[in-house]
């Protein structure tokens, strides 16, 4: 029987405990890589999924994901008139936080330009798409809202008619998908008292103005809803999403839109790059640094473990040398145990992670490429970590076996 396997059987309990410890360490390394991958995926998945070729945003801003962007609703019609554009959609995006069952519920609200956009690009895991322009929404499963639940947002109550999975913003907050009209109603909602005070303030300002004094009916209009006042613009949106016609020159379309003085224009790739290099850049770098540090610490710990295991076998190694065992047998004993420890630790780390990672507050995404790369790193660490033990074993003098 192989010497390394005989030694493992002889110290089976200690070897298993050591393997469990290594697996827990590797599970953290694997999880850190999965969190890093999940962070980048969450940051760009909406831009990649929503299906817009061009984003038209407020002049001087970098888009609704990087900072506040406000453009008028009629910009959608202006953009639609540009040759080479096949579809334009309103985009409304903001974050809310409410109380649900005594706990804070934080979500990102995204407006669907219904009926042009009913969320056909979403992958539903349950329920259906909105069937009307008001009071229905789609929620991500991470928010914990069950299908059919009714939730009050602003002055209206909305029913959850569909569920998605894995749709989160760069901060990890799940999405609520409503129509643009409902998203704006939530975003610009004001308490009744605030509305009353604003109307009184408008009436007071009109009364002090010459127009208000010469045209008393203006005072009555000033006390009414904002929508009835011609001088007050309609609600604004965050951006306009543009889809270029097949075969059209996207650069020519962007040049036309870029010539307008009130907007900035970005491609899908531009928005993706700004998200990765701006919004989540520091988080990505920090997670990457922790990943490197954890991998280094894992290598050091494995080297110390293998060195300790070698020290415990010094008498046995000296005895092998005394009976004439070649150095390759000694090297094979230590190297095979190191690889076995790394392989079992990696396998246990993966299996434990599949049970534990779903409970993490952020998404943990394990890709095949990342797993293969980590497996190669673990193999390299196992080989390098065994060198210290091999060095110590080769320095043992055979006469040590005769010293008891």
Protein backbone atom coordinates (compact mmCIF):
# COMPACT_ATOMS: atom_id res chain seq x y z
CA UNK A 1 0.00 0.00 0.00
CA UNK A 2 1.12 3.58 -0.66
CA UNK A 3 3.11 4.97 2.29
CA UNK A 4 1.20 8.25 2.35
CA UNK A 5 -2.16 6.43 2.55
CA UNK A 6 -0.84 4.15 5.32
CA UNK A 7 0.27 7.21 7.27
CA UNK A 8 -3.14 8.85 6.76
CA UNK A 9 -4.87 5.72 8.05
CA UNK A 10 -2.55 5.66 11.03
CA UNK A 11 -3.38 9.30 11.92
CA UNK A 12 -6.85 9.35 10.42
CA UNK A 13 -8.57 11.53 13.05
CA UNK A 14 -5.90 14.21 13.02
CA UNK A 15 -5.76 14.23 9.22
CA UNK A 16 -9.54 14.66 8.93
CA UNK A 17 -9.57 17.53 11.43
CA UNK A 18 -6.72 19.19 9.56
CA UNK A 19 -8.59 18.74 6.27
CA UNK A 20 -11.74 20.30 7.73
CA UNK A 21 -9.73 23.31 8.92
CA UNK A 22 -8.13 23.74 5.50
CA UNK A 23 -11.53 23.35 3.80
CA UNK A 24 -13.04 26.11 5.94
CA UNK A 25 -10.18 28.40 4.99
CA UNK A 26 -10.52 27.54 1.30
CA UNK A 27 -14.30 28.04 1.52
CA UNK A 28 -13.67 31.62 2.64
CA UNK A 29 -11.22 32.14 -0.24
CA UNK A 30 -13.74 30.63 -2.67
CA UNK A 31 -16.56 32.72 -1.20
CA UNK A 32 -14.52 35.92 -1.46
CA UNK A 33 -13.96 35.23 -5.14
CA UNK A 34 -17.68 34.51 -5.56
CA UNK A 35 -18.62 37.77 -3.83
CA UNK A 36 -16.20 39.63 -6.11
CA UNK A 37 -17.80 38.04 -9.16
CA UNK A 38 -21.30 38.67 -7.79
CA UNK A 39 -20.51 42.34 -7.18
CA UNK A 40 -19.39 42.93 -10.75
CA UNK A 41 -22.32 40.95 -12.14
CA UNK A 42 -24.87 42.90 -10.09
CA UNK A 43 -23.27 46.18 -11.14
CA UNK A 44 -23.68 45.63 -14.88
CA UNK A 45 -26.50 43.12 -15.25
CA UNK A 46 -29.27 45.72 -15.64
CA UNK A 47 -27.35 47.62 -18.33
CA UNK A 48 -26.66 44.34 -20.13
CA UNK A 49 -30.20 42.99 -19.75
CA UNK A 50 -32.44 45.98 -20.42
CA UNK A 51 -31.53 46.00 -24.12
CA UNK A 52 -30.61 49.65 -24.72
CA UNK A 53 -27.90 50.48 -27.27
CA UNK A 54 -27.62 54.16 -26.28
CA UNK A 55 -28.36 56.05 -23.05
CA UNK A 56 -29.39 59.71 -23.26
CA UNK A 57 -28.90 61.46 -19.90
CA UNK A 58 -28.70 64.93 -18.41
CA UNK A 59 -25.91 67.07 -19.81
CA UNK A 60 -22.72 66.89 -17.76
CA UNK A 61 -23.73 63.74 -15.84
CA UNK A 62 -22.56 60.16 -16.29
CA UNK A 63 -25.94 58.47 -16.24
CA UNK A 64 -28.56 57.43 -13.69
CA UNK A 65 -26.39 54.73 -12.09
CA UNK A 66 -23.41 56.99 -11.36
CA UNK A 67 -25.26 60.13 -10.23
CA UNK A 68 -28.61 61.92 -10.35
CA UNK A 69 -29.84 62.53 -13.90
CA UNK A 70 -33.00 64.49 -14.75
CA UNK A 71 -34.36 64.99 -18.25
CA UNK A 72 -37.88 66.05 -19.39
CA UNK A 73 -40.33 63.38 -20.46
CA UNK A 74 -40.78 64.95 -23.90
CA UNK A 75 -37.14 64.14 -24.63
CA UNK A 76 -38.39 60.66 -25.57
CA UNK A 77 -40.31 62.10 -28.53
CA UNK A 78 -37.39 64.28 -29.60
CA UNK A 79 -35.02 61.32 -29.59
CA UNK A 80 -37.51 59.10 -31.45
CA UNK A 81 -37.51 61.55 -34.37
CA UNK A 82 -33.78 61.03 -35.03
CA UNK A 83 -33.15 58.85 -38.12
CA UNK A 84 -31.75 55.41 -37.33
CA UNK A 85 -33.60 54.93 -34.05
CA UNK A 86 -36.17 52.14 -33.86
CA UNK A 87 -37.33 52.45 -30.24
CA UNK A 88 -37.12 54.87 -27.32
CA UNK A 89 -38.12 54.17 -23.71
CA UNK A 90 -38.36 56.22 -20.56
CA UNK A 91 -36.10 55.21 -17.71
CA UNK A 92 -36.91 56.03 -14.08
CA UNK A 93 -34.64 54.76 -11.34
CA UNK A 94 -34.46 55.56 -7.63
CA UNK A 95 -34.02 53.85 -4.25
CA UNK A 96 -36.56 53.57 -1.45
CA UNK A 97 -36.52 52.24 2.10
CA UNK A 98 -39.68 51.21 3.95
CA UNK A 99 -40.67 49.19 6.99
CA UNK A 100 -42.06 45.69 6.50
CA UNK A 101 -42.97 43.47 9.43
CA UNK A 102 -40.88 45.64 11.72
CA UNK A 103 -37.75 45.37 9.57
CA UNK A 104 -36.28 47.82 7.04
CA UNK A 105 -36.91 46.96 3.39
CA UNK A 106 -34.54 48.68 0.98
CA UNK A 107 -35.18 48.35 -2.74
CA UNK A 108 -34.42 50.02 -6.04
CA UNK A 109 -37.46 51.09 -8.04
CA UNK A 110 -37.23 50.85 -11.82
CA UNK A 111 -39.93 52.26 -14.07
CA UNK A 112 -41.12 50.28 -17.10
CA UNK A 113 -42.34 52.41 -20.02
CA UNK A 114 -45.68 50.62 -20.20
CA UNK A 115 -47.13 49.45 -22.60
CA UNK A 116 -44.02 49.68 -24.83
CA UNK A 117 -41.96 48.04 -22.11
CA UNK A 118 -43.88 45.59 -19.93
CA UNK A 119 -40.73 43.87 -18.68
CA UNK A 120 -40.51 41.29 -21.47
CA UNK A 121 -36.72 41.26 -20.98
CA UNK A 122 -37.11 40.03 -17.39
CA UNK A 123 -36.81 36.34 -16.52
CA UNK A 124 -39.74 35.57 -14.25
CA UNK A 125 -39.55 32.65 -11.84
CA UNK A 126 -43.20 33.02 -10.82
CA UNK A 127 -46.26 35.08 -11.68
CA UNK A 128 -46.76 37.27 -14.73
CA UNK A 129 -45.91 40.62 -16.28
CA UNK A 130 -47.97 43.73 -15.39
CA UNK A 131 -51.29 43.78 -17.21
CA UNK A 132 -52.20 47.41 -16.49
CA UNK A 133 -50.54 50.79 -16.14
CA UNK A 134 -51.06 51.12 -12.40
CA UNK A 135 -50.86 49.29 -9.08
CA UNK A 136 -48.97 46.16 -10.20
CA UNK A 137 -45.28 45.39 -9.76
CA UNK A 138 -42.62 42.73 -10.17
CA UNK A 139 -40.30 42.09 -7.21
CA UNK A 140 -36.98 40.34 -6.91
CA UNK A 141 -37.00 37.32 -4.61
CA UNK A 142 -34.19 38.79 -2.49
CA UNK A 143 -36.71 41.32 -1.11
CA UNK A 144 -38.77 38.53 0.46
CA UNK A 145 -42.07 39.74 -1.00
CA UNK A 146 -44.32 36.77 -1.83
CA UNK A 147 -46.48 36.61 -4.92
CA UNK A 148 -49.79 38.38 -4.33
CA UNK A 149 -48.61 40.57 -1.45
CA UNK A 150 -49.99 44.09 -1.40
CA UNK A 151 -47.63 46.86 -0.32
CA UNK A 152 -48.38 50.52 0.24
CA UNK A 153 -45.89 52.89 -1.38
CA UNK A 154 -46.70 56.57 -1.26
CA UNK A 155 -50.46 57.09 -1.45
CA UNK A 156 -51.26 53.91 -3.37
CA UNK A 157 -51.15 50.15 -2.77
CA UNK A 158 -49.34 47.90 -5.22
CA UNK A 159 -49.72 44.15 -5.71
CA UNK A 160 -46.81 41.81 -6.47
CA UNK A 161 -47.82 40.00 -9.68
CA UNK A 162 -44.43 38.57 -10.67
CA UNK A 163 -41.11 37.48 -9.18
CA UNK A 164 -37.60 37.61 -10.60
CA UNK A 165 -34.37 36.14 -9.26
CA UNK A 166 -30.94 37.75 -9.07
CA UNK A 167 -31.98 41.25 -10.18
CA UNK A 168 -30.09 43.58 -7.84
CA UNK A 169 -28.51 47.02 -8.11
CA UNK A 170 -24.77 47.67 -7.55
CA UNK A 171 -25.44 48.02 -3.80
CA UNK A 172 -27.11 44.61 -3.60
CA UNK A 173 -30.66 45.95 -3.18
CA UNK A 174 -33.34 43.96 -4.98
CA UNK A 175 -35.38 45.62 -7.72
CA UNK A 176 -39.06 46.56 -7.76
CA UNK A 177 -40.31 46.90 -11.33
CA UNK A 178 -43.31 49.20 -11.72
CA UNK A 179 -44.61 51.30 -14.59
CA UNK A 180 -43.02 54.71 -15.15
CA UNK A 181 -46.19 56.46 -13.95
CA UNK A 182 -46.20 54.53 -10.67
CA UNK A 183 -42.44 54.89 -10.19
CA UNK A 184 -42.79 58.67 -10.57
CA UNK A 185 -45.76 58.75 -8.21
CA UNK A 186 -43.61 57.06 -5.56
CA UNK A 187 -40.53 59.17 -6.28
CA UNK A 188 -42.32 62.54 -6.11
CA UNK A 189 -44.84 61.65 -3.42
CA UNK A 190 -45.42 64.36 -0.82
CA UNK A 191 -47.51 64.40 2.37
CA UNK A 192 -50.88 66.10 2.08
CA UNK A 193 -49.84 68.89 4.43
CA UNK A 194 -46.74 69.65 2.33
CA UNK A 195 -48.92 69.90 -0.79
CA UNK A 196 -51.36 72.23 0.98
CA UNK A 197 -48.57 74.49 2.22
CA UNK A 198 -47.01 74.66 -1.26
CA UNK A 199 -50.35 75.68 -2.79
CA UNK A 200 -50.77 78.39 -0.16
CA UNK A 201 -47.25 79.61 -0.86
CA UNK A 202 -47.99 79.76 -4.61
CA UNK A 203 -51.16 81.73 -3.93
CA UNK A 204 -49.26 84.15 -1.71
CA UNK A 205 -46.57 84.67 -4.36
CA UNK A 206 -49.22 85.24 -7.05
CA UNK A 207 -51.03 87.73 -4.82
CA UNK A 208 -47.88 89.82 -4.45
CA UNK A 209 -47.33 89.81 -8.23
CA UNK A 210 -48.85 92.38 -10.57
CA UNK A 211 -50.36 89.61 -12.68
CA UNK A 212 -52.11 88.21 -9.63
CA UNK A 213 -53.50 91.63 -8.73
CA UNK A 214 -54.80 92.41 -12.23
CA UNK A 215 -56.10 88.88 -12.90
CA UNK A 216 -57.74 87.56 -9.71
CA UNK A 217 -58.56 84.22 -11.37
CA UNK A 218 -54.82 83.47 -11.31
CA UNK A 219 -55.09 83.11 -7.54
CA UNK A 220 -57.63 80.30 -7.94
CA UNK A 221 -55.36 78.46 -10.38
CA UNK A 222 -52.39 78.91 -8.06
CA UNK A 223 -54.28 77.04 -5.35
CA UNK A 224 -54.97 74.07 -7.61
CA UNK A 225 -52.90 71.01 -8.54
CA UNK A 226 -49.48 71.57 -10.09
CA UNK A 227 -50.52 69.75 -13.26
CA UNK A 228 -53.03 72.53 -14.02
CA UNK A 229 -50.34 75.22 -13.99
CA UNK A 230 -48.92 75.77 -17.45
CA UNK A 231 -45.66 77.23 -16.15
CA UNK A 232 -44.80 74.15 -14.10
CA UNK A 233 -43.18 71.33 -16.12
CA UNK A 234 -44.30 67.71 -15.96
CA UNK A 235 -42.45 65.07 -13.94
CA UNK A 236 -38.93 64.35 -15.09
CA UNK A 237 -37.34 60.99 -15.87
CA UNK A 238 -33.82 59.70 -15.24
CA UNK A 239 -32.80 58.90 -18.81
CA UNK A 240 -33.97 57.81 -22.23
CA UNK A 241 -33.06 54.34 -23.49
CA UNK A 242 -32.51 54.07 -27.23
CA UNK A 243 -32.43 51.08 -29.51
CA UNK A 244 -30.76 51.64 -32.86
CA UNK A 245 -32.35 50.22 -36.02
CA UNK A 246 -30.62 47.13 -37.47
CA UNK A 247 -28.09 48.25 -40.05
CA UNK A 248 -28.10 51.88 -38.90
CA UNK A 249 -24.85 53.68 -38.10
CA UNK A 250 -24.78 53.97 -34.31
CA UNK A 251 -21.93 56.48 -34.39
CA UNK A 252 -23.94 58.78 -36.65
CA UNK A 253 -26.93 58.55 -34.30
CA UNK A 254 -24.74 59.36 -31.32
CA UNK A 255 -23.16 62.29 -33.16
CA UNK A 256 -26.61 63.75 -33.81
CA UNK A 257 -27.75 63.29 -30.22
CA UNK A 258 -24.42 64.50 -28.85
CA UNK A 259 -24.90 67.80 -30.65
CA UNK A 260 -27.85 68.70 -28.43
CA UNK A 261 -26.86 71.12 -25.70
CA UNK A 262 -29.05 69.65 -22.93
CA UNK A 263 -28.03 65.97 -22.98
CA UNK A 264 -25.04 63.64 -22.85
CA UNK A 265 -24.94 60.39 -24.80
CA UNK A 266 -23.33 57.08 -23.82
CA UNK A 267 -23.24 53.60 -25.30
CA UNK A 268 -23.99 50.43 -23.40
CA UNK A 269 -20.27 49.77 -23.15
CA UNK A 270 -19.70 53.27 -21.75
CA UNK A 271 -22.26 52.73 -19.00
CA UNK A 272 -20.78 49.32 -18.18
CA UNK A 273 -17.28 50.75 -17.95
CA UNK A 274 -18.42 53.66 -15.76
CA UNK A 275 -20.16 51.27 -13.40
CA UNK A 276 -17.14 49.00 -13.03
CA UNK A 277 -14.56 51.78 -12.90
CA UNK A 278 -16.62 54.22 -10.86
CA UNK A 279 -19.57 53.01 -8.80
CA UNK A 280 -18.09 49.70 -7.61
CA UNK A 281 -14.39 50.33 -8.29
CA UNK A 282 -13.28 50.63 -4.66
CA UNK A 283 -15.36 47.65 -3.58
CA UNK A 284 -13.88 45.56 -6.40
CA UNK A 285 -10.34 46.54 -5.48
CA UNK A 286 -10.94 45.88 -1.79
CA UNK A 287 -12.44 42.45 -2.42
CA UNK A 288 -9.62 41.62 -4.82
CA UNK A 289 -7.03 42.60 -2.20
CA UNK A 290 -8.73 40.48 0.46
CA UNK A 291 -8.82 37.59 -1.98
CA UNK A 292 -5.06 37.80 -2.55
CA UNK A 293 -4.37 38.12 1.19
CA UNK A 294 -6.57 35.14 2.04
CA UNK A 295 -4.89 33.02 -0.62
CA UNK A 296 -1.46 33.98 0.74
CA UNK A 297 -2.52 33.22 4.32
CA UNK A 298 -3.91 29.86 3.17
CA UNK A 299 -0.57 28.98 1.61
CA UNK A 300 1.33 29.90 4.78
CA UNK A 301 -1.05 27.94 7.01
CA UNK A 302 -0.88 24.88 4.76
CA UNK A 303 2.93 25.10 4.78
CA UNK A 304 2.94 25.19 8.59
CA UNK A 305 0.51 22.27 8.78
CA UNK A 306 2.60 20.14 6.43
CA UNK A 307 5.78 21.12 8.26
CA UNK A 308 4.20 20.06 11.57
CA UNK A 309 3.03 16.78 10.06
CA UNK A 310 6.56 16.19 8.78
CA UNK A 311 8.08 16.94 12.20
CA UNK A 312 5.80 14.31 13.74
CA UNK A 313 7.16 11.74 11.29
CA UNK A 314 10.86 12.51 11.63
CA UNK A 315 11.57 9.27 13.50
CA UNK A 316 9.67 7.26 10.86
CA UNK A 317 11.49 9.08 8.05
CA UNK A 318 14.87 8.40 9.69
CA UNK A 319 13.91 4.73 10.00
CA UNK A 320 13.05 4.62 6.29
CA UNK A 321 16.44 6.10 5.47
CA UNK A 322 18.14 3.62 7.77
CA UNK A 323 16.65 0.65 5.92
CA UNK A 324 17.74 2.14 2.61
CA UNK A 325 14.64 3.94 1.29
CA UNK A 326 15.63 6.40 -1.47
CA UNK A 327 14.90 10.11 -1.18
CA UNK A 328 12.17 9.90 -3.82
CA UNK A 329 10.13 7.73 -1.44
CA UNK A 330 10.42 10.34 1.29
CA UNK A 331 9.57 13.15 -1.14
CA UNK A 332 6.60 11.18 -2.48
CA UNK A 333 5.29 10.57 1.04
CA UNK A 334 5.18 14.27 1.90
CA UNK A 335 4.16 15.56 -1.54
CA UNK A 336 1.31 13.08 -1.94
CA UNK A 337 -0.07 13.93 1.48
CA UNK A 338 0.13 17.64 0.63
CA UNK A 339 -1.78 17.14 -2.64
CA UNK A 340 -4.31 14.87 -0.90
CA UNK A 341 -4.84 17.47 1.82
CA UNK A 342 -5.33 20.24 -0.75
CA UNK A 343 -7.67 18.17 -2.95
CA UNK A 344 -9.87 17.01 -0.06
CA UNK A 345 -9.89 20.51 1.43
CA UNK A 346 -10.92 22.00 -1.92
CA UNK A 347 -13.68 19.43 -2.44
CA UNK A 348 -15.08 19.92 1.07
CA UNK A 349 -14.88 23.71 0.65
CA UNK A 350 -16.96 23.52 -2.52
CA UNK A 351 -19.60 21.25 -0.97
CA UNK A 352 -19.85 23.36 2.20
CA UNK A 353 -20.05 26.52 0.12
CA UNK A 354 -23.02 25.23 -1.84
CA UNK A 355 -24.90 24.95 1.47
CA UNK A 356 -23.67 28.18 3.05
CA UNK A 357 -23.38 30.73 0.22
CA UNK A 358 -27.16 31.06 -0.41
CA UNK A 359 -27.47 32.59 3.07
CA UNK A 360 -24.94 35.34 2.36
CA UNK A 361 -26.47 38.86 2.10
CA UNK A 362 -24.72 39.45 -1.25
CA UNK A 363 -24.78 37.17 -4.27
CA UNK A 364 -21.98 34.62 -4.49
CA UNK A 365 -21.35 33.57 -8.08
CA UNK A 366 -18.95 30.68 -8.68
CA UNK A 367 -18.00 30.41 -12.32
CA UNK A 368 -16.25 27.42 -13.88
CA UNK A 369 -13.24 29.53 -14.81
CA UNK A 370 -12.87 30.84 -11.25
CA UNK A 371 -13.19 27.35 -9.78
CA UNK A 372 -10.62 25.94 -12.17
CA UNK A 373 -8.25 28.80 -11.44
CA UNK A 374 -8.64 28.30 -7.69
CA UNK A 375 -8.08 24.56 -8.10
CA UNK A 376 -4.81 25.32 -9.87
CA UNK A 377 -3.84 27.77 -7.13
CA UNK A 378 -4.61 25.17 -4.43
CA UNK A 379 -2.51 22.60 -6.29
CA UNK A 380 0.35 25.07 -6.54
CA UNK A 381 0.04 25.99 -2.86
CA UNK A 382 0.03 22.30 -1.90
CA UNK A 383 3.23 21.65 -3.84
CA UNK A 384 4.99 24.78 -2.60
CA UNK A 385 3.81 24.22 0.98
CA UNK A 386 5.28 20.72 0.94
CA UNK A 387 8.76 22.03 0.08
CA UNK A 388 9.44 23.12 3.67
CA UNK A 389 8.54 19.67 4.97
CA UNK A 390 10.57 17.98 2.24
CA UNK A 391 13.57 20.15 3.07
CA UNK A 392 13.33 19.16 6.73
CA UNK A 393 12.83 15.48 5.92
CA UNK A 394 15.85 15.30 3.62
CA UNK A 395 18.07 16.78 6.34
CA UNK A 396 17.17 14.04 8.83
CA UNK A 397 20.12 11.72 9.53
CA UNK A 398 19.34 7.97 9.52
CA UNK A 399 21.04 7.55 12.92
CA UNK A 400 18.16 9.55 14.44
CA UNK A 401 16.09 6.36 14.30
CA UNK A 402 18.55 4.68 16.71
CA UNK A 403 18.22 7.43 19.30
CA UNK A 404 14.69 6.39 20.35
